[in-house]
Amino acid sequence: MKQIHNLKFFLAFFFLFACIMSYVSAFTVSTVDVDPPGNLVAGTPVTVTVMIDFPSRGGTETFPATDDLQVSTNLEGQHWEPVLNLDGVETHLQQNAGDSLTISGWYLSYSPGQKERLRVTLTGTIPANPSPRQDLVNIQEVDSGKNVITTARVAMPEAPFMAPSTTTIPTKKPTATKKIFTPIAMGTPTPASPLGTGAGIIAAFGAAFLVMKRK
């Protein structure tokens, strides 16, 4: 009786473990590189490179063929470039423009013994008024019923605080006062008085008279 109880417990535990394994994410995000890093102002061009691994966890495939891998962003002017690396061999998948990229599980489903990695390069610009509520990048595994199984996201960096700039008005240099020099009035020659003029005439006649007398 005790053996039967233990067998039931083992079967229940195995069923529970199998259910948990079936809902384990089929992907892991190993690295996310943002260039340039840090808080960025609106309109800044950004390149985001995401490395997604598909580890083998005892399943029958690296990624469910019936599921989709969706990658989205709140950047503007988006461009996606996915590259699949399978056992060291790279394959460029179809590039895309828009706010999201969807890769069918058919392209990602391989035997668990193979080493699979997906590199997604996203380029775009920081939107107006960016905030952590937006997604710099959001990666989801979606099943055939459009139900989200797993999500991994990187929040949008918040816009840096811009202190109001104070404009310094240069002090206007005082205009130099032009100095105007008033010329000093020169004394007007005093006209000869009639008395003086007459004395000069008399002296002249006197000198002439003396000369004539000597002759």
Protein backbone atom coordinates (compact mmCIF):
# COMPACT_ATOMS: atom_id res chain seq x y z
CA MET A 1 0.00 0.00 0.00
CA LYS A 2 2.85 2.34 0.86
CA GLN A 3 4.58 1.54 -2.42
CA ILE A 4 1.42 2.43 -4.38
CA HIS A 5 1.19 5.75 -2.50
CA ASN A 6 4.80 6.54 -3.33
CA LEU A 7 4.19 5.67 -7.00
CA LYS A 8 1.20 8.01 -7.15
CA PHE A 9 3.27 10.78 -5.55
CA PHE A 10 6.08 10.22 -8.08
CA LEU A 11 3.66 10.29 -11.03
CA ALA A 12 2.04 13.50 -9.74
CA PHE A 13 5.44 15.11 -9.24
CA PHE A 14 6.55 14.05 -12.73
CA PHE A 15 3.38 15.47 -14.29
CA LEU A 16 3.87 18.77 -12.44
CA PHE A 17 7.53 18.93 -13.49
CA ALA A 18 6.54 18.22 -17.12
CA CYS A 19 4.01 21.07 -17.02
CA ILE A 20 6.60 23.46 -15.64
CA MET A 21 9.14 22.44 -18.28
CA SER A 22 6.59 22.98 -21.02
CA TYR A 23 6.18 26.60 -19.95
CA VAL A 24 9.87 27.31 -19.54
CA SER A 25 10.96 30.01 -21.94
CA ALA A 26 12.38 28.77 -25.20
CA PHE A 27 14.83 31.69 -25.34
CA THR A 28 17.14 33.68 -23.11
CA VAL A 29 18.55 37.15 -23.68
CA SER A 30 22.29 36.96 -23.09
CA THR A 31 23.38 40.52 -23.90
CA VAL A 32 21.87 43.86 -24.88
CA ASP A 33 24.22 46.53 -26.18
CA VAL A 34 23.00 50.13 -26.57
CA ASP A 35 25.08 52.65 -28.48
CA PRO A 36 25.34 55.39 -27.31
CA PRO A 37 24.59 54.43 -23.69
CA GLY A 38 22.97 56.50 -20.97
CA ASN A 39 20.02 58.87 -20.96
CA LEU A 40 19.55 60.43 -24.37
CA VAL A 41 17.60 63.40 -25.64
CA ALA A 42 14.83 63.10 -28.23
CA GLY A 43 16.01 62.62 -31.80
CA THR A 44 19.30 60.90 -30.85
CA PRO A 45 20.18 58.02 -33.24
CA VAL A 46 20.52 54.72 -31.35
CA THR A 47 21.75 51.24 -32.26
CA VAL A 48 20.53 48.34 -30.10
CA THR A 49 22.11 44.90 -30.52
CA VAL A 50 20.35 41.99 -28.80
CA MET A 51 21.82 38.49 -28.50
CA ILE A 52 19.15 35.80 -28.02
CA ASP A 53 20.10 32.22 -27.17
CA PHE A 54 17.96 29.11 -27.56
CA PRO A 55 19.40 26.67 -25.02
CA SER A 56 18.58 22.99 -25.11
CA ARG A 57 16.65 21.99 -21.99
CA GLY A 58 15.82 18.43 -22.72
CA GLY A 59 13.04 19.26 -25.19
CA THR A 60 12.59 18.06 -28.72
CA GLU A 61 13.46 21.38 -30.38
CA THR A 62 15.30 24.64 -29.63
CA PHE A 63 12.16 26.73 -30.21
CA PRO A 64 8.56 25.62 -30.78
CA ALA A 65 7.89 25.60 -34.50
CA THR A 66 4.28 26.71 -33.90
CA ASP A 67 5.29 29.79 -31.86
CA ASP A 68 6.57 33.17 -33.01
CA LEU A 69 9.34 35.39 -31.69
CA GLN A 70 8.22 39.02 -31.65
CA VAL A 71 10.57 41.93 -31.02
CA SER A 72 9.15 45.46 -30.70
CA THR A 73 10.33 48.95 -29.78
CA ASN A 74 9.16 52.50 -29.11
CA LEU A 75 12.04 54.02 -31.02
CA GLU A 76 11.19 55.99 -34.15
CA GLY A 77 12.46 55.37 -37.67
CA GLN A 78 13.02 51.69 -36.84
CA HIS A 79 15.06 49.23 -38.91
CA TRP A 80 15.63 45.57 -37.99
CA GLU A 81 18.43 43.27 -39.11
CA PRO A 82 18.21 39.69 -37.74
CA VAL A 83 21.09 37.24 -38.19
CA LEU A 84 20.78 33.57 -37.17
CA ASN A 85 23.90 31.73 -36.05
CA LEU A 86 23.51 27.96 -36.14
CA ASP A 87 26.56 25.92 -35.15
CA GLY A 88 28.81 28.84 -36.09
CA VAL A 89 27.23 29.44 -39.52
CA GLU A 90 25.47 32.80 -39.95
CA THR A 91 22.31 33.27 -42.00
CA HIS A 92 20.86 36.71 -42.62
CA LEU A 93 17.10 36.63 -42.19
CA GLN A 94 14.73 39.09 -43.82
CA GLN A 95 15.25 42.69 -42.70
CA ASN A 96 12.27 44.75 -41.68
CA ALA A 97 11.17 48.34 -41.02
CA GLY A 98 8.51 49.35 -38.52
CA ASP A 99 7.92 49.18 -34.79
CA SER A 100 8.10 45.35 -34.58
CA LEU A 101 9.80 42.29 -36.03
CA THR A 102 8.19 38.84 -36.11
CA ILE A 103 10.20 35.68 -36.78
CA SER A 104 8.31 32.48 -37.30
CA GLY A 105 9.26 29.54 -35.11
CA TRP A 106 9.79 27.56 -38.31
CA TYR A 107 13.06 29.50 -38.80
CA LEU A 108 14.13 28.97 -35.19
CA SER A 109 13.15 25.34 -34.56
CA TYR A 110 16.13 22.94 -34.61
CA SER A 111 17.17 19.81 -32.80
CA PRO A 112 18.25 20.40 -29.20
CA GLY A 113 21.79 19.24 -29.92
CA GLN A 114 22.51 22.24 -32.12
CA LYS A 115 23.91 25.54 -30.87
CA GLU A 116 21.59 28.36 -31.90
CA ARG A 117 21.85 32.11 -31.38
CA LEU A 118 19.98 35.04 -32.90
CA ARG A 119 21.50 38.51 -33.21
CA VAL A 120 19.01 41.33 -33.76
CA THR A 121 20.34 44.77 -34.64
CA LEU A 122 17.85 47.60 -34.25
CA THR A 123 18.48 51.17 -35.35
CA GLY A 124 16.21 54.13 -34.68
CA THR A 125 15.95 57.47 -32.89
CA ILE A 126 14.84 58.38 -29.39
CA PRO A 127 11.18 59.56 -29.45
CA ALA A 128 9.86 62.77 -27.98
CA ASN A 129 9.56 62.69 -24.18
CA PRO A 130 11.07 59.21 -23.65
CA SER A 131 10.30 57.45 -20.36
CA PRO A 132 10.88 54.02 -18.73
CA ARG A 133 7.23 53.19 -19.46
CA GLN A 134 8.25 52.79 -23.10
CA ASP A 135 10.29 49.93 -24.50
CA LEU A 136 13.73 50.33 -25.92
CA VAL A 137 13.26 46.72 -26.96
CA ASN A 138 10.65 44.12 -25.99
CA ILE A 139 11.09 40.42 -26.83
CA GLN A 140 8.17 38.01 -26.59
CA GLU A 141 7.43 34.39 -27.34
CA VAL A 142 3.87 34.14 -28.65
CA ASP A 143 2.02 30.87 -29.24
CA SER A 144 -0.34 30.05 -32.09
CA GLY A 145 -3.24 31.57 -30.15
CA LYS A 146 -1.39 34.91 -29.83
CA ASN A 147 -0.88 34.32 -26.12
CA VAL A 148 2.33 35.76 -24.69
CA ILE A 149 4.37 33.00 -23.04
CA THR A 150 7.54 34.87 -22.09
CA THR A 151 8.59 38.51 -22.16
CA ALA A 152 11.98 40.14 -21.81
CA ARG A 153 12.20 43.90 -22.11
CA VAL A 154 14.64 46.75 -21.83
CA ALA A 155 13.07 50.03 -20.72
CA MET A 156 13.55 53.23 -22.66
CA PRO A 157 16.11 55.50 -21.00
CA GLU A 158 14.50 58.53 -19.44
CA ALA A 159 15.20 61.92 -20.98
CA PRO A 160 17.92 63.76 -19.07
CA PHE A 161 16.93 66.78 -17.03
CA MET A 162 17.82 69.90 -18.92
CA ALA A 163 18.29 72.88 -16.60
CA PRO A 164 17.03 76.13 -18.09
CA SER A 165 19.93 77.99 -19.52
CA THR A 166 20.49 81.57 -18.44
CA THR A 167 21.49 83.87 -21.22
CA THR A 168 24.10 86.36 -20.17
CA ILE A 169 23.59 89.69 -21.82
CA PRO A 170 26.95 91.29 -22.31
CA THR A 171 27.30 94.64 -20.65
CA LYS A 172 27.35 97.32 -23.26
CA LYS A 173 30.53 99.25 -23.17
CA PRO A 174 29.76 102.91 -22.56
CA THR A 175 30.29 105.00 -25.60
CA ALA A 176 33.27 107.29 -25.13
CA THR A 177 32.30 110.94 -25.03
CA LYS A 178 33.96 112.75 -27.83
CA LYS A 179 35.76 115.74 -26.51
CA ILE A 180 35.38 118.89 -28.55
CA PHE A 181 38.07 121.43 -27.91
CA THR A 182 36.86 125.02 -28.25
CA PRO A 183 39.66 127.11 -29.77
CA ILE A 184 40.77 129.96 -27.61
CA ALA A 185 39.75 133.23 -29.26
CA MET A 186 42.78 135.18 -30.40
CA GLY A 187 42.88 138.92 -29.77
CA THR A 188 41.66 140.94 -32.75
CA PRO A 189 44.30 143.36 -33.87
CA THR A 190 43.42 146.78 -32.57
CA PRO A 191 43.01 149.23 -35.45
CA ALA A 192 45.52 152.05 -35.37
CA SER A 193 44.16 155.09 -33.73
CA PRO A 194 43.95 158.23 -35.88
CA LEU A 195 46.42 159.89 -33.55
CA GLY A 196 49.04 157.29 -34.07
CA THR A 197 48.58 157.33 -37.84
CA GLY A 198 48.99 161.09 -37.98
CA ALA A 199 52.16 160.92 -35.91
CA GLY A 200 53.61 158.45 -38.37
CA ILE A 201 52.88 160.71 -41.33
CA ILE A 202 54.42 163.69 -39.61
CA ALA A 203 57.55 161.70 -38.83
CA ALA A 204 57.87 160.65 -42.43
CA PHE A 205 57.59 164.20 -43.73
CA GLY A 206 60.11 165.33 -41.13
CA ALA A 207 62.67 162.79 -42.32
CA ALA A 208 62.16 163.78 -45.91
CA PHE A 209 62.57 167.43 -45.07
CA LEU A 210 65.90 166.73 -43.39
CA VAL A 211 67.18 164.84 -46.39
CA MET A 212 66.27 167.63 -48.73
CA LYS A 213 67.93 170.18 -46.50
CA ARG A 214 71.23 168.23 -46.50
CA LYS A 215 71.29 168.34 -50.24
